[in-house]
Amino acid sequence: MSIGSVLDLLRPDFPDITISKIRFLESEGLIHPERTPSGYRRFSVADCERLRFVLTAQRDQYLPLKVIKEQLEAIDSGAATLGVREARARGRAAIEAAPPAEAVNRHNTETNGRSPRRLGVVPGEVSPDELRFDHEIRLTRADLLARAEIDDAFLNDLIRANLITPGAAGFFDADAVTLARTARAMSEFGLEARHLRAFKLAADREAALVAQIAAPIAKSRDADARARAEETVRELAALSLNLHAALVKASVRAALGN
């Protein structure tokens, strides 16, 4: 399972768990998830139960990582037991018992009166898994107009404002659809493409900061350097989006005097 699935599985018991925390525990040698050929982490049920053991020992027994690691080494050597068979059974039961996404969505909609948002790094916000780059989707201008439900003049305004930029061959990606749809929705509040340039400038500054942090990782000689750099970019981008949303919310609240 992906690191995002691990978060969803553990977060009910450990609300503060984050991707950074999982990566830190891996760097300390407490967990050893497999890597795909492209460098992404893949976790097994046993990995999840090992994580649960570490997090429980920290939360309930206040044990330092050094002691927890010694306990895990004893388990690995056979000198102690974590109940691996039982742990795997519990893990499978937890996964199988998880309600289908449709049922969760229906329950949340009925109880909250609104469509639910996917849990991410910060509950209810953006997850790094949602920021994976998709280089396969190439849309023509006509495709973009149809999917975003905008006209040619509106798209020209977005391009002139540098909010959307077609590729060298004139194609667009999936993000252009999302951007165009969002700009169209904001236009209903009287915001034109030229008004949205402030968002573009802020995004460029945030992207430059993220790239500055990830660049040294990408340039290292490790075999998985590029994959780790892309993962860092996704995580930082998700965090920056969550921070940006919180700051905007706080500023609007202050402006309205609430």
C-alpha atoms as a PDB file:
ATOM      1  CA  MET A   1       0.000   0.000   0.000  1.00  0.00           C
ATOM      2  CA  SER A   2       1.101   3.601  -0.518  1.00  0.00           C
ATOM      3  CA  ILE A   3       2.246   5.933   2.239  1.00  0.00           C
ATOM      4  CA  GLY A   4      -1.054   7.788   1.897  1.00  0.00           C
ATOM      5  CA  SER A   5      -2.967   4.559   2.592  1.00  0.00           C
ATOM      6  CA  VAL A   6      -0.791   3.973   5.654  1.00  0.00           C
ATOM      7  CA  LEU A   7      -1.705   7.436   6.938  1.00  0.00           C
ATOM      8  CA  ASP A   8      -5.413   6.743   6.451  1.00  0.00           C
ATOM      9  CA  LEU A   9      -5.070   3.416   8.289  1.00  0.00           C
ATOM     10  CA  LEU A  10      -3.140   4.791  11.289  1.00  0.00           C
ATOM     11  CA  ARG A  11      -4.617   8.267  11.676  1.00  0.00           C
ATOM     12  CA  PRO A  12      -7.753   7.181  13.607  1.00  0.00           C
ATOM     13  CA  ASP A  13      -5.469   5.954  16.429  1.00  0.00           C
ATOM     14  CA  PHE A  14      -2.627   8.439  15.871  1.00  0.00           C
ATOM     15  CA  PRO A  15      -4.089  11.770  14.674  1.00  0.00           C
ATOM     16  CA  ASP A  16      -0.684  13.489  14.623  1.00  0.00           C
ATOM     17  CA  ILE A  17       0.960  11.000  12.251  1.00  0.00           C
ATOM     18  CA  THR A  18       2.434  12.605   9.127  1.00  0.00           C
ATOM     19  CA  ILE A  19       4.488  11.562   6.123  1.00  0.00           C
ATOM     20  CA  SER A  20       7.482  13.356   7.665  1.00  0.00           C
ATOM     21  CA  LYS A  21       7.110  11.247  10.817  1.00  0.00           C
ATOM     22  CA  ILE A  22       7.012   8.004   8.825  1.00  0.00           C
ATOM     23  CA  ARG A  23      10.048   9.025   6.781  1.00  0.00           C
ATOM     24  CA  PHE A  24      11.909   9.931   9.983  1.00  0.00           C
ATOM     25  CA  LEU A  25      11.176   6.542  11.546  1.00  0.00           C
ATOM     26  CA  GLU A  26      12.441   4.899   8.359  1.00  0.00           C
ATOM     27  CA  SER A  27      15.646   6.970   8.450  1.00  0.00           C
ATOM     28  CA  GLU A  28      16.145   5.805  12.051  1.00  0.00           C
ATOM     29  CA  GLY A  29      15.924   2.185  10.927  1.00  0.00           C
ATOM     30  CA  LEU A  30      12.678   1.308  12.702  1.00  0.00           C
ATOM     31  CA  ILE A  31      10.760   0.414   9.546  1.00  0.00           C
ATOM     32  CA  HIS A  32      11.940  -0.906   6.201  1.00  0.00           C
ATOM     33  CA  PRO A  33       9.292  -0.482   3.479  1.00  0.00           C
ATOM     34  CA  GLU A  34      10.033  -1.822   0.030  1.00  0.00           C
ATOM     35  CA  ARG A  35      10.746   0.508  -2.873  1.00  0.00           C
ATOM     36  CA  THR A  36       9.199   0.345  -6.313  1.00  0.00           C
ATOM     37  CA  PRO A  37      11.497   0.551  -9.370  1.00  0.00           C
ATOM     38  CA  SER A  38      10.656   4.269  -9.546  1.00  0.00           C
ATOM     39  CA  GLY A  39      11.668   4.759  -5.917  1.00  0.00           C
ATOM     40  CA  TYR A  40       8.281   5.066  -4.206  1.00  0.00           C
ATOM     41  CA  ARG A  41       7.672   3.401  -0.851  1.00  0.00           C
ATOM     42  CA  ARG A  42       5.334   0.404  -0.700  1.00  0.00           C
ATOM     43  CA  PHE A  43       4.175  -0.756   2.734  1.00  0.00           C
ATOM     44  CA  SER A  44       3.000  -4.218   3.709  1.00  0.00           C
ATOM     45  CA  VAL A  45       0.570  -5.089   6.497  1.00  0.00           C
ATOM     46  CA  ALA A  46       3.566  -6.091   8.625  1.00  0.00           C
ATOM     47  CA  ASP A  47       5.135  -2.660   8.037  1.00  0.00           C
ATOM     48  CA  CYS A  48       1.932  -1.000   9.250  1.00  0.00           C
ATOM     49  CA  GLU A  49       1.856  -3.114  12.393  1.00  0.00           C
ATOM     50  CA  ARG A  50       5.526  -2.314  13.039  1.00  0.00           C
ATOM     51  CA  LEU A  51       4.673   1.375  12.754  1.00  0.00           C
ATOM     52  CA  ARG A  52       1.739   0.886  15.102  1.00  0.00           C
ATOM     53  CA  PHE A  53       4.057  -0.796  17.616  1.00  0.00           C
ATOM     54  CA  VAL A  54       6.525   2.132  17.489  1.00  0.00           C
ATOM     55  CA  LEU A  55       3.840   4.819  17.759  1.00  0.00           C
ATOM     56  CA  THR A  56       2.078   3.027  20.611  1.00  0.00           C
ATOM     57  CA  ALA A  57       5.330   2.614  22.549  1.00  0.00           C
ATOM     58  CA  GLN A  58       6.044   6.332  22.136  1.00  0.00           C
ATOM     59  CA  ARG A  59       2.541   7.455  23.099  1.00  0.00           C
ATOM     60  CA  ASP A  60       1.653   5.049  25.904  1.00  0.00           C
ATOM     61  CA  GLN A  61       5.040   4.155  27.395  1.00  0.00           C
ATOM     62  CA  TYR A  62       7.032   7.299  26.533  1.00  0.00           C
ATOM     63  CA  LEU A  63       9.896   5.097  25.359  1.00  0.00           C
ATOM     64  CA  PRO A  64      12.795   6.705  23.451  1.00  0.00           C
ATOM     65  CA  LEU A  65      13.408   5.497  19.923  1.00  0.00           C
ATOM     66  CA  LYS A  66      16.657   3.816  20.956  1.00  0.00           C
ATOM     67  CA  VAL A  67      14.804   1.528  23.361  1.00  0.00           C
ATOM     68  CA  ILE A  68      12.026   0.856  20.857  1.00  0.00           C
ATOM     69  CA  LYS A  69      14.607  -0.021  18.223  1.00  0.00           C
ATOM     70  CA  GLU A  70      16.269  -2.474  20.622  1.00  0.00           C
ATOM     71  CA  GLN A  71      12.899  -4.104  21.247  1.00  0.00           C
ATOM     72  CA  LEU A  72      12.293  -4.420  17.506  1.00  0.00           C
ATOM     73  CA  GLU A  73      15.765  -5.910  17.000  1.00  0.00           C
ATOM     74  CA  ALA A  74      14.979  -8.471  19.686  1.00  0.00           C
ATOM     75  CA  ILE A  75      11.744  -9.287  17.875  1.00  0.00           C
ATOM     76  CA  ASP A  76      13.578  -9.592  14.546  1.00  0.00           C
ATOM     77  CA  SER A  77      16.165 -11.945  16.087  1.00  0.00           C
ATOM     78  CA  GLY A  78      13.479 -14.141  17.609  1.00  0.00           C
ATOM     79  CA  ALA A  79      14.364 -13.254  21.202  1.00  0.00           C
ATOM     80  CA  ALA A  80      10.969 -11.605  21.623  1.00  0.00           C
ATOM     81  CA  THR A  81       7.709 -11.612  19.769  1.00  0.00           C
ATOM     82  CA  LEU A  82       5.425  -8.938  18.427  1.00  0.00           C
ATOM     83  CA  GLY A  83       2.819 -11.504  17.537  1.00  0.00           C
ATOM     84  CA  VAL A  84       3.512 -11.145  13.832  1.00  0.00           C
ATOM     85  CA  ARG A  85       0.866 -13.620  12.777  1.00  0.00           C
ATOM     86  CA  GLU A  86      -1.730 -11.936  14.995  1.00  0.00           C
ATOM     87  CA  ALA A  87      -0.534  -8.509  13.870  1.00  0.00           C
ATOM     88  CA  ARG A  88      -0.949  -9.411  10.226  1.00  0.00           C
ATOM     89  CA  ALA A  89      -4.405 -10.783  10.950  1.00  0.00           C
ATOM     90  CA  ARG A  90      -5.364  -7.540  12.713  1.00  0.00           C
ATOM     91  CA  GLY A  91      -3.977  -5.516   9.838  1.00  0.00           C
ATOM     92  CA  ARG A  92      -5.902  -7.490   7.226  1.00  0.00           C
ATOM     93  CA  ALA A  93      -9.071  -7.248   9.318  1.00  0.00           C
ATOM     94  CA  ALA A  94      -8.652  -3.466   9.615  1.00  0.00           C
ATOM     95  CA  ILE A  95      -8.231  -3.096   5.868  1.00  0.00           C
ATOM     96  CA  GLU A  96     -11.123  -5.412   5.038  1.00  0.00           C
ATOM     97  CA  ALA A  97     -13.360  -3.770   7.657  1.00  0.00           C
ATOM     98  CA  ALA A  98     -12.735  -0.287   6.270  1.00  0.00           C
ATOM     99  CA  PRO A  99     -16.000   0.923   4.698  1.00  0.00           C
ATOM    100  CA  PRO A 100     -16.031   1.540   0.943  1.00  0.00           C
ATOM    101  CA  ALA A 101     -15.253   5.090  -0.099  1.00  0.00           C
ATOM    102  CA  GLU A 102     -18.809   5.478  -1.373  1.00  0.00           C
ATOM    103  CA  ALA A 103     -20.244   4.576   2.032  1.00  0.00           C
ATOM    104  CA  VAL A 104     -17.912   6.993   3.827  1.00  0.00           C
ATOM    105  CA  ASN A 105     -18.769   9.776   1.431  1.00  0.00           C
ATOM    106  CA  ARG A 106     -22.498   9.134   1.804  1.00  0.00           C
ATOM    107  CA  HIS A 107     -22.241   9.124   5.618  1.00  0.00           C
ATOM    108  CA  ASN A 108     -20.227  12.341   5.709  1.00  0.00           C
ATOM    109  CA  THR A 109     -22.618  14.046   3.329  1.00  0.00           C
ATOM    110  CA  GLU A 110     -25.633  13.001   5.396  1.00  0.00           C
ATOM    111  CA  THR A 111     -24.099  14.064   8.712  1.00  0.00           C
ATOM    112  CA  ASN A 112     -22.378  17.246   7.621  1.00  0.00           C
ATOM    113  CA  GLY A 113     -24.695  18.364   4.841  1.00  0.00           C
ATOM    114  CA  ARG A 114     -21.789  18.844   2.455  1.00  0.00           C
ATOM    115  CA  SER A 115     -19.456  16.778   0.301  1.00  0.00           C
ATOM    116  CA  PRO A 116     -16.435  15.450   2.228  1.00  0.00           C
ATOM    117  CA  ARG A 117     -12.842  16.314   1.461  1.00  0.00           C
ATOM    118  CA  ARG A 118     -10.055  13.764   1.346  1.00  0.00           C
ATOM    119  CA  LEU A 119      -7.799  13.542   4.384  1.00  0.00           C
ATOM    120  CA  GLY A 120      -4.251  14.695   3.730  1.00  0.00           C
ATOM    121  CA  VAL A 121      -1.180  15.804   5.665  1.00  0.00           C
ATOM    122  CA  VAL A 122      -3.465  18.051   7.675  1.00  0.00           C
ATOM    123  CA  PRO A 123      -6.888  16.405   8.162  1.00  0.00           C
ATOM    124  CA  GLY A 124      -9.276  17.729   5.545  1.00  0.00           C
ATOM    125  CA  GLU A 125      -6.590  19.396   3.482  1.00  0.00           C
ATOM    126  CA  VAL A 126      -4.209  18.538   0.627  1.00  0.00           C
ATOM    127  CA  SER A 127      -2.215  15.296   0.526  1.00  0.00           C
ATOM    128  CA  PRO A 128       1.128  14.852  -1.274  1.00  0.00           C
ATOM    129  CA  ASP A 129      -0.452  11.949  -3.175  1.00  0.00           C
ATOM    130  CA  GLU A 130      -2.762  14.479  -4.833  1.00  0.00           C
ATOM    131  CA  LEU A 131       0.251  16.373  -6.215  1.00  0.00           C
ATOM    132  CA  ARG A 132       1.772  13.639  -8.348  1.00  0.00           C
ATOM    133  CA  PHE A 133       2.775  14.854 -11.787  1.00  0.00           C
ATOM    134  CA  ASP A 134       0.947  13.269 -14.702  1.00  0.00           C
ATOM    135  CA  HIS A 135       3.030  13.626 -17.844  1.00  0.00           C
ATOM    136  CA  GLU A 136       0.781  11.377 -19.934  1.00  0.00           C
ATOM    137  CA  ILE A 137      -2.284  13.606 -20.322  1.00  0.00           C
ATOM    138  CA  ARG A 138      -2.145  15.909 -23.364  1.00  0.00           C
ATOM    139  CA  LEU A 139      -5.210  17.926 -24.241  1.00  0.00           C
ATOM    140  CA  THR A 140      -5.915  19.943 -27.341  1.00  0.00           C
ATOM    141  CA  ARG A 141      -7.329  23.444 -27.081  1.00  0.00           C
ATOM    142  CA  ALA A 142     -10.770  22.104 -27.996  1.00  0.00           C
ATOM    143  CA  ASP A 143     -10.497  19.414 -25.297  1.00  0.00           C
ATOM    144  CA  LEU A 144      -9.601  22.017 -22.677  1.00  0.00           C
ATOM    145  CA  LEU A 145     -12.496  24.290 -23.666  1.00  0.00           C
ATOM    146  CA  ALA A 146     -14.956  21.397 -23.478  1.00  0.00           C
ATOM    147  CA  ARG A 147     -13.719  19.948 -20.175  1.00  0.00           C
ATOM    148  CA  ALA A 148     -13.420  23.303 -18.410  1.00  0.00           C
ATOM    149  CA  GLU A 149     -16.675  24.573 -19.926  1.00  0.00           C
ATOM    150  CA  ILE A 150     -15.165  27.913 -20.950  1.00  0.00           C
ATOM    151  CA  ASP A 151     -15.118  29.806 -24.220  1.00  0.00           C
ATOM    152  CA  ASP A 152     -12.152  30.703 -26.400  1.00  0.00           C
ATOM    153  CA  ALA A 153     -12.045  34.325 -25.259  1.00  0.00           C
ATOM    154  CA  PHE A 154     -11.833  33.338 -21.595  1.00  0.00           C
ATOM    155  CA  LEU A 155      -8.992  30.903 -22.326  1.00  0.00           C
ATOM    156  CA  ASN A 156      -7.135  33.658 -24.195  1.00  0.00           C
ATOM    157  CA  ASP A 157      -7.463  35.883 -21.130  1.00  0.00           C
ATOM    158  CA  LEU A 158      -5.984  33.151 -18.930  1.00  0.00           C
ATOM    159  CA  ILE A 159      -3.073  32.629 -21.321  1.00  0.00           C
ATOM    160  CA  ARG A 160      -2.373  36.375 -21.567  1.00  0.00           C
ATOM    161  CA  ALA A 161      -2.319  36.559 -17.760  1.00  0.00           C
ATOM    162  CA  ASN A 162       0.211  33.661 -17.728  1.00  0.00           C
ATOM    163  CA  LEU A 163      -2.174  31.597 -15.643  1.00  0.00           C
ATOM    164  CA  ILE A 164      -2.206  28.825 -18.240  1.00  0.00           C
ATOM    165  CA  THR A 165       0.677  28.052 -20.566  1.00  0.00           C
ATOM    166  CA  PRO A 166       0.374  25.508 -23.389  1.00  0.00           C
ATOM    167  CA  GLY A 167       3.241  23.142 -24.019  1.00  0.00           C
ATOM    168  CA  ALA A 168       5.713  23.480 -26.882  1.00  0.00           C
ATOM    169  CA  ALA A 169       3.426  21.469 -29.166  1.00  0.00           C
ATOM    170  CA  GLY A 170       0.373  23.480 -28.159  1.00  0.00           C
ATOM    171  CA  PHE A 171      -1.106  20.860 -25.838  1.00  0.00           C
ATOM    172  CA  PHE A 172      -2.409  21.358 -22.298  1.00  0.00           C
ATOM    173  CA  ASP A 173      -2.243  19.134 -19.205  1.00  0.00           C
ATOM    174  CA  ALA A 174      -4.872  18.095 -16.655  1.00  0.00           C
ATOM    175  CA  ASP A 175      -3.896  20.927 -14.296  1.00  0.00           C
ATOM    176  CA  ALA A 176      -4.945  23.431 -16.976  1.00  0.00           C
ATOM    177  CA  VAL A 177      -8.482  22.042 -16.754  1.00  0.00           C
ATOM    178  CA  THR A 178      -8.572  22.472 -12.981  1.00  0.00           C
ATOM    179  CA  LEU A 179      -7.133  25.959 -13.238  1.00  0.00           C
ATOM    180  CA  ALA A 180      -9.577  27.027 -15.946  1.00  0.00           C
ATOM    181  CA  ARG A 181     -12.568  25.668 -14.058  1.00  0.00           C
ATOM    182  CA  THR A 182     -11.458  27.445 -10.878  1.00  0.00           C
ATOM    183  CA  ALA A 183     -10.885  30.713 -12.721  1.00  0.00           C
ATOM    184  CA  ARG A 184     -14.332  30.397 -14.300  1.00  0.00           C
ATOM    185  CA  ALA A 185     -15.927  29.885 -10.867  1.00  0.00           C
ATOM    186  CA  MET A 186     -14.069  32.908  -9.477  1.00  0.00           C
ATOM    187  CA  SER A 187     -15.194  35.000 -12.426  1.00  0.00           C
ATOM    188  CA  GLU A 188     -18.747  34.624 -11.151  1.00  0.00           C
ATOM    189  CA  PHE A 189     -17.658  36.783  -8.203  1.00  0.00           C
ATOM    190  CA  GLY A 190     -16.380  39.496 -10.533  1.00  0.00           C
ATOM    191  CA  LEU A 191     -12.735  38.394 -10.544  1.00  0.00           C
ATOM    192  CA  GLU A 192     -11.203  38.591 -14.010  1.00  0.00           C
ATOM    193  CA  ALA A 193      -8.067  36.825 -15.217  1.00  0.00           C
ATOM    194  CA  ARG A 194      -5.952  39.921 -14.564  1.00  0.00           C
ATOM    195  CA  HIS A 195      -7.071  39.885 -10.916  1.00  0.00           C
ATOM    196  CA  LEU A 196      -5.760  36.342 -10.527  1.00  0.00           C
ATOM    197  CA  ARG A 197      -2.178  37.235 -11.412  1.00  0.00           C
ATOM    198  CA  ALA A 198      -1.524  37.910  -7.710  1.00  0.00           C
ATOM    199  CA  PHE A 199      -2.207  34.225  -7.041  1.00  0.00           C
ATOM    200  CA  LYS A 200       0.206  33.242  -9.832  1.00  0.00           C
ATOM    201  CA  LEU A 201       2.975  35.459  -8.461  1.00  0.00           C
ATOM    202  CA  ALA A 202       2.522  34.038  -4.961  1.00  0.00           C
ATOM    203  CA  ALA A 203       2.544  30.477  -6.352  1.00  0.00           C
ATOM    204  CA  ASP A 204       5.756  31.171  -8.285  1.00  0.00           C
ATOM    205  CA  ARG A 205       7.470  32.397  -5.126  1.00  0.00           C
ATOM    206  CA  GLU A 206       6.332  29.343  -3.156  1.00  0.00           C
ATOM    207  CA  ALA A 207       7.424  26.998  -5.957  1.00  0.00           C
ATOM    208  CA  ALA A 208      10.866  28.632  -6.078  1.00  0.00           C
ATOM    209  CA  LEU A 209      11.293  28.076  -2.341  1.00  0.00           C
ATOM    210  CA  VAL A 210      10.255  24.421  -2.615  1.00  0.00           C
ATOM    211  CA  ALA A 211      12.578  23.867  -5.590  1.00  0.00           C
ATOM    212  CA  GLN A 212      15.454  25.457  -3.691  1.00  0.00           C
ATOM    213  CA  ILE A 213      15.048  22.865  -0.934  1.00  0.00           C
ATOM    214  CA  ALA A 214      14.586  19.887  -3.275  1.00  0.00           C
ATOM    215  CA  ALA A 215      17.367  20.736  -5.755  1.00  0.00           C
ATOM    216  CA  PRO A 216      20.268  19.455  -3.588  1.00  0.00           C
ATOM    217  CA  ILE A 217      18.435  16.146  -3.125  1.00  0.00           C
ATOM    218  CA  ALA A 218      17.925  15.733  -6.869  1.00  0.00           C
ATOM    219  CA  LYS A 219      21.604  16.439  -7.540  1.00  0.00           C
ATOM    220  CA  SER A 220      22.894  13.797  -5.122  1.00  0.00           C
ATOM    221  CA  ARG A 221      24.409  10.622  -6.559  1.00  0.00           C
ATOM    222  CA  ASP A 222      21.941   8.234  -4.953  1.00  0.00           C
ATOM    223  CA  ALA A 223      20.092   5.934  -7.335  1.00  0.00           C
ATOM    224  CA  ASP A 224      16.744   7.087  -5.990  1.00  0.00           C
ATOM    225  CA  ALA A 225      17.697  10.770  -5.777  1.00  0.00           C
ATOM    226  CA  ARG A 226      15.125  11.937  -8.309  1.00  0.00           C
ATOM    227  CA  ALA A 227      12.300   9.975  -6.699  1.00  0.00           C
ATOM    228  CA  ARG A 228      13.197  11.352  -3.255  1.00  0.00           C
ATOM    229  CA  ALA A 229      13.353  14.883  -4.665  1.00  0.00           C
ATOM    230  CA  GLU A 230       9.910  14.531  -6.262  1.00  0.00           C
ATOM    231  CA  GLU A 231       8.519  13.143  -3.011  1.00  0.00           C
ATOM    232  CA  THR A 232      10.008  16.091  -1.107  1.00  0.00           C
ATOM    233  CA  VAL A 233       8.484  18.523  -3.600  1.00  0.00           C
ATOM    234  CA  ARG A 234       5.042  16.927  -3.238  1.00  0.00           C
ATOM    235  CA  GLU A 235       5.186  16.962   0.550  1.00  0.00           C
ATOM    236  CA  LEU A 236       6.398  20.567   0.776  1.00  0.00           C
ATOM    237  CA  ALA A 237       3.888  21.691  -1.842  1.00  0.00           C
ATOM    238  CA  ALA A 238       1.041  20.062   0.086  1.00  0.00           C
ATOM    239  CA  LEU A 239       2.192  21.691   3.316  1.00  0.00           C
ATOM    240  CA  SER A 240       2.517  25.081   1.624  1.00  0.00           C
ATOM    241  CA  LEU A 241      -1.021  24.776   0.235  1.00  0.00           C
ATOM    242  CA  ASN A 242      -2.372  23.931   3.670  1.00  0.00           C
ATOM    243  CA  LEU A 243      -0.449  26.832   5.190  1.00  0.00           C
ATOM    244  CA  HIS A 244      -1.648  29.190   2.464  1.00  0.00           C
ATOM    245  CA  ALA A 245      -5.272  28.163   3.033  1.00  0.00           C
ATOM    246  CA  ALA A 246      -4.945  28.676   6.788  1.00  0.00           C
ATOM    247  CA  LEU A 247      -3.335  32.098   6.339  1.00  0.00           C
ATOM    248  CA  VAL A 248      -6.008  33.237   3.883  1.00  0.00           C
ATOM    249  CA  LYS A 249      -8.720  32.026   6.242  1.00  0.00           C
ATOM    250  CA  ALA A 250      -7.162  33.897   9.172  1.00  0.00           C
ATOM    251  CA  SER A 251      -6.711  37.068   7.144  1.00  0.00           C
ATOM    252  CA  VAL A 252     -10.285  37.003   5.838  1.00  0.00           C
ATOM    253  CA  ARG A 253     -11.584  36.441   9.356  1.00  0.00           C
ATOM    254  CA  ALA A 254      -9.584  39.444  10.572  1.00  0.00           C
ATOM    255  CA  ALA A 255     -10.771  41.584   7.656  1.00  0.00           C
ATOM    256  CA  LEU A 256     -14.390  40.756   8.463  1.00  0.00           C
ATOM    257  CA  GLY A 257     -13.821  41.502  12.120  1.00  0.00           C
ATOM    258  CA  ASN A 258     -14.577  37.974  13.318  1.00  0.00           C
END
